[in-house]
Amino acid sequence: MAEIILNVDVREGVGTGGARAVRRAGAVPGILYGGGKAPVAISVAEKEFKKNLYTGKLLGHLVTLKYGNETQPVIAKDVQFDPVSDRPLHFDLMRVEEDQTIKIEVPVHFINEDQCKAFRQGGSLEIVRHTVEIKVPANHIPEDLIVDLANHKLGDTIRWSDVKVPSDVEATITDRDFVIASIKSSSAAKAADEIEEAIAEEQAAAAEEAAAEVPASEQKSED
């Protein structure tokens, strides 16, 4: 089973008033849904919820919901926060089976930027997708999707096919090899190149003019 266990209580009060009452009691209100069953209003002690949330293994991962002697594998789909205090205000849990294939967004992480020559040449990474929605068994959800930049070159476009994933992970976008990121020349590098080109052109033009000029001493001898 999952590493995280959420001990929940079923709450009767729903709506804004009920949610506020739960928060005043030191808990976080939530909703359990999915699995062909009716939604259930639940709550978790705020201290326990925060502890699990800050491990980074709650949101978007398979966890175990526990109510009395009953347990249920669930996925934490969403958490809403107070914009000022960052306190968790509400959460959504989705019922699943451990081997059930689900759709879920997973973050993309880029590694070995320091080993990529393109960045020493003034390149910059332009990220198109910070997350990718995948289809995967609920008990095999990857922590992240890794893109290794070590062997990429300036001008490369990084696509889904460049991401190494387990055989049971599939992108929900199947009609194209979609773009994850690209390595482009930075504006500073472009400006430096343009300056160097301008200087080189001026030097070449000056050399041509000097070669075309006829010295005054030679003009007099011809006369």
Protein backbone atom coordinates (compact mmCIF):
# COMPACT_ATOMS: atom_id res chain seq x y z
CA MET A 1 0.00 0.00 0.00
CA ALA A 2 0.96 3.65 -0.10
CA GLU A 3 3.45 5.26 2.21
CA ILE A 4 1.04 7.94 3.45
CA ILE A 5 -2.08 7.19 5.49
CA LEU A 6 -4.72 9.89 5.93
CA ASN A 7 -7.00 9.37 8.93
CA VAL A 8 -10.25 11.05 7.93
CA ASP A 9 -13.54 11.87 9.56
CA VAL A 10 -16.84 12.04 7.71
CA ARG A 11 -18.40 15.48 8.17
CA GLU A 12 -22.07 16.29 7.96
CA GLY A 13 -21.85 20.03 7.48
CA VAL A 14 -21.32 20.99 3.84
CA GLY A 15 -21.06 24.33 2.09
CA THR A 16 -19.13 27.41 3.16
CA GLY A 17 -20.47 27.42 6.72
CA GLY A 18 -19.63 23.77 7.30
CA ALA A 19 -16.12 24.17 5.87
CA ARG A 20 -15.45 27.16 8.13
CA ALA A 21 -16.58 25.20 11.17
CA VAL A 22 -14.18 22.39 10.27
CA ARG A 23 -11.28 24.84 9.95
CA ARG A 24 -12.11 26.46 13.29
CA ALA A 25 -11.91 22.98 14.82
CA GLY A 26 -8.34 22.59 13.51
CA ALA A 27 -9.05 20.39 10.51
CA VAL A 28 -9.00 20.69 6.72
CA PRO A 29 -12.26 19.96 4.84
CA GLY A 30 -12.22 17.79 1.74
CA ILE A 31 -14.27 15.74 -0.70
CA LEU A 32 -13.87 12.06 -1.58
CA TYR A 33 -15.27 11.17 -5.00
CA GLY A 34 -15.00 8.71 -7.87
CA GLY A 35 -15.12 4.94 -8.02
CA GLY A 36 -18.76 4.94 -9.08
CA LYS A 37 -19.86 6.07 -5.61
CA ALA A 38 -21.44 9.24 -4.30
CA PRO A 39 -19.14 12.03 -3.10
CA VAL A 40 -18.50 12.10 0.66
CA ALA A 41 -17.57 15.19 2.68
CA ILE A 42 -14.55 14.43 4.86
CA SER A 43 -11.94 16.20 6.97
CA VAL A 44 -8.38 15.58 8.19
CA ALA A 45 -6.64 17.10 11.20
CA GLU A 46 -4.74 20.10 9.86
CA LYS A 47 -1.49 19.19 11.62
CA GLU A 48 -1.52 15.68 10.11
CA PHE A 49 -2.53 17.00 6.70
CA LYS A 50 0.30 19.54 6.60
CA LYS A 51 2.84 16.94 7.74
CA ASN A 52 1.91 14.65 4.85
CA LEU A 53 1.55 17.50 2.36
CA TYR A 54 5.04 18.86 2.95
CA THR A 55 6.68 15.48 2.32
CA GLY A 56 5.91 16.08 -1.36
CA LYS A 57 4.34 12.63 -1.59
CA LEU A 58 0.69 13.56 -1.05
CA LEU A 59 -0.52 15.56 -4.01
CA GLY A 60 -0.69 13.47 -7.16
CA HIS A 61 0.34 10.24 -5.44
CA LEU A 62 -1.35 7.06 -4.29
CA VAL A 63 -2.15 7.31 -0.57
CA THR A 64 -4.28 5.30 1.83
CA LEU A 65 -7.43 6.83 3.25
CA LYS A 66 -8.40 5.37 6.61
CA TYR A 67 -11.79 5.73 8.27
CA GLY A 68 -12.15 3.58 11.38
CA ASN A 69 -11.24 0.05 10.31
CA GLU A 70 -11.89 0.75 6.63
CA THR A 71 -9.13 1.65 4.16
CA GLN A 72 -9.28 2.87 0.57
CA PRO A 73 -6.51 3.73 -1.90
CA VAL A 74 -6.99 7.27 -3.18
CA ILE A 75 -5.23 9.92 -5.23
CA ALA A 76 -4.94 13.45 -3.85
CA LYS A 77 -6.01 15.43 -6.91
CA ASP A 78 -6.10 19.00 -5.68
CA VAL A 79 -5.35 21.17 -2.65
CA GLN A 80 -6.55 24.77 -2.32
CA PHE A 81 -4.51 27.23 -0.25
CA ASP A 82 -5.16 30.56 1.42
CA PRO A 83 -3.43 33.13 -0.86
CA VAL A 84 -2.08 35.08 2.14
CA SER A 85 -1.24 32.52 4.83
CA ASP A 86 -0.69 29.53 2.47
CA ARG A 87 -2.82 27.49 4.86
CA PRO A 88 -4.54 24.48 3.19
CA LEU A 89 -8.23 25.28 2.87
CA HIS A 90 -9.69 22.30 1.00
CA PHE A 91 -8.61 19.10 -0.75
CA ASP A 92 -10.02 16.59 -3.23
CA LEU A 93 -9.42 12.84 -3.07
CA MET A 94 -10.32 10.41 -5.87
CA ARG A 95 -11.09 6.74 -5.14
CA VAL A 96 -8.98 4.30 -7.18
CA GLU A 97 -7.81 0.71 -7.20
CA GLU A 98 -4.08 0.16 -6.86
CA ASP A 99 -3.68 -1.37 -10.34
CA GLN A 100 -6.23 0.93 -11.96
CA THR A 101 -4.96 3.00 -14.90
CA ILE A 102 -5.53 6.68 -14.22
CA LYS A 103 -4.78 10.01 -15.85
CA ILE A 104 -2.61 12.37 -13.84
CA GLU A 105 -0.24 15.29 -14.42
CA VAL A 106 3.40 14.72 -13.46
CA PRO A 107 6.10 17.42 -13.29
CA VAL A 108 8.99 17.51 -15.77
CA HIS A 109 12.51 17.94 -14.36
CA PHE A 110 15.63 18.74 -16.39
CA ILE A 111 19.03 17.40 -15.32
CA ASN A 112 22.71 17.73 -16.35
CA GLU A 113 22.40 21.28 -17.64
CA ASP A 114 26.02 21.80 -16.53
CA GLN A 115 27.11 19.01 -18.90
CA CYS A 116 25.38 20.51 -21.93
CA LYS A 117 27.73 22.50 -24.22
CA ALA A 118 24.82 24.51 -25.59
CA PHE A 119 24.53 26.50 -22.37
CA ARG A 120 28.24 27.34 -22.39
CA GLN A 121 27.66 28.67 -25.91
CA GLY A 122 25.05 31.12 -24.65
CA GLY A 123 22.00 28.88 -25.06
CA SER A 124 18.98 29.01 -22.81
CA LEU A 125 16.29 26.47 -22.00
CA GLU A 126 12.80 27.43 -23.10
CA ILE A 127 10.31 25.16 -21.32
CA VAL A 128 7.01 24.57 -23.10
CA ARG A 129 5.53 22.02 -20.65
CA HIS A 130 6.32 22.03 -16.93
CA THR A 131 3.96 19.06 -16.47
CA VAL A 132 2.69 16.28 -18.73
CA GLU A 133 -0.56 14.38 -18.32
CA ILE A 134 0.07 10.64 -18.43
CA LYS A 135 -1.86 7.37 -18.18
CA VAL A 136 -0.33 5.03 -15.62
CA PRO A 137 -1.31 2.39 -13.04
CA ALA A 138 -2.18 4.16 -9.78
CA ASN A 139 0.52 2.26 -7.87
CA HIS A 140 3.25 3.11 -10.43
CA ILE A 141 2.95 6.90 -10.65
CA PRO A 142 6.45 8.32 -11.24
CA GLU A 143 7.71 11.12 -8.99
CA ASP A 144 8.62 13.12 -12.09
CA LEU A 145 9.57 12.86 -15.75
CA ILE A 146 13.31 13.31 -16.32
CA VAL A 147 14.87 15.02 -19.32
CA ASP A 148 18.66 14.56 -19.57
CA LEU A 149 20.20 17.63 -21.24
CA ALA A 150 23.78 16.32 -21.32
CA ASN A 151 23.94 15.42 -25.03
CA HIS A 152 21.64 18.08 -26.44
CA LYS A 153 22.87 20.82 -28.76
CA LEU A 154 22.03 24.45 -29.39
CA GLY A 155 18.83 24.59 -31.42
CA ASP A 156 17.55 21.19 -30.27
CA THR A 157 13.84 20.66 -29.75
CA ILE A 158 13.11 18.24 -26.91
CA ARG A 159 10.02 16.11 -27.52
CA TRP A 160 8.07 13.46 -25.62
CA SER A 161 10.08 10.75 -27.38
CA ASP A 162 13.23 12.14 -25.71
CA VAL A 163 11.83 11.41 -22.22
CA LYS A 164 12.74 7.98 -20.85
CA VAL A 165 9.70 6.54 -19.06
CA PRO A 166 8.70 3.07 -17.80
CA SER A 167 6.82 0.85 -20.22
CA ASP A 168 3.55 1.29 -18.32
CA VAL A 169 3.62 5.10 -18.66
CA GLU A 170 1.89 6.64 -21.66
CA ALA A 171 1.18 10.26 -22.54
CA THR A 172 -2.48 11.14 -22.96
CA ILE A 173 -1.54 13.08 -26.11
CA THR A 174 -1.11 10.34 -28.69
CA ASP A 175 -1.58 12.08 -32.05
CA ARG A 176 1.86 13.72 -32.16
CA ASP A 177 5.35 13.74 -30.65
CA PHE A 178 4.70 16.93 -28.71
CA VAL A 179 7.32 19.48 -27.62
CA ILE A 180 8.56 19.59 -24.03
CA ALA A 181 11.24 22.29 -24.37
CA SER A 182 13.83 23.75 -26.71
CA ILE A 183 17.38 25.06 -26.40
CA LYS A 184 17.68 28.49 -27.99
CA SER A 185 20.31 31.18 -28.24
CA SER A 186 19.80 33.76 -25.52
CA SER A 187 19.19 37.40 -26.46
CA ALA A 188 22.52 38.36 -24.89
CA ALA A 189 24.36 35.76 -26.96
CA LYS A 190 22.57 36.91 -30.11
CA ALA A 191 23.49 40.54 -29.39
CA ALA A 192 27.13 39.59 -28.87
CA ASP A 193 27.15 37.64 -32.15
CA GLU A 194 25.60 40.59 -34.00
CA ILE A 195 28.22 42.97 -32.59
CA GLU A 196 31.05 40.63 -33.60
CA GLU A 197 29.60 40.27 -37.09
CA ALA A 198 29.27 44.06 -37.44
CA ILE A 199 32.88 44.58 -36.35
CA ALA A 200 34.10 41.90 -38.76
CA GLU A 201 32.14 43.51 -41.62
CA GLU A 202 33.58 46.94 -40.83
CA GLN A 203 37.12 45.55 -40.71
CA ALA A 204 36.63 43.75 -44.01
CA ALA A 205 35.22 46.88 -45.64
CA ALA A 206 38.11 48.98 -44.34
CA ALA A 207 40.63 46.49 -45.71
CA GLU A 208 38.97 46.55 -49.12
CA GLU A 209 39.02 50.35 -49.19
CA ALA A 210 42.69 50.42 -48.22
CA ALA A 211 43.58 47.95 -50.96
CA ALA A 212 41.64 49.94 -53.56
CA GLU A 213 43.36 53.24 -52.77
CA VAL A 214 46.30 54.25 -55.05
CA PRO A 215 49.16 55.95 -53.15
CA ALA A 216 49.75 59.64 -54.12
CA SER A 217 53.44 58.93 -55.02
CA GLU A 218 52.36 56.42 -57.63
CA GLN A 219 49.86 58.94 -59.12
CA LYS A 220 52.65 61.56 -59.63
CA SER A 221 55.00 59.11 -61.31
CA GLU A 222 52.28 58.20 -63.82
CA ASP A 223 51.81 61.88 -64.70
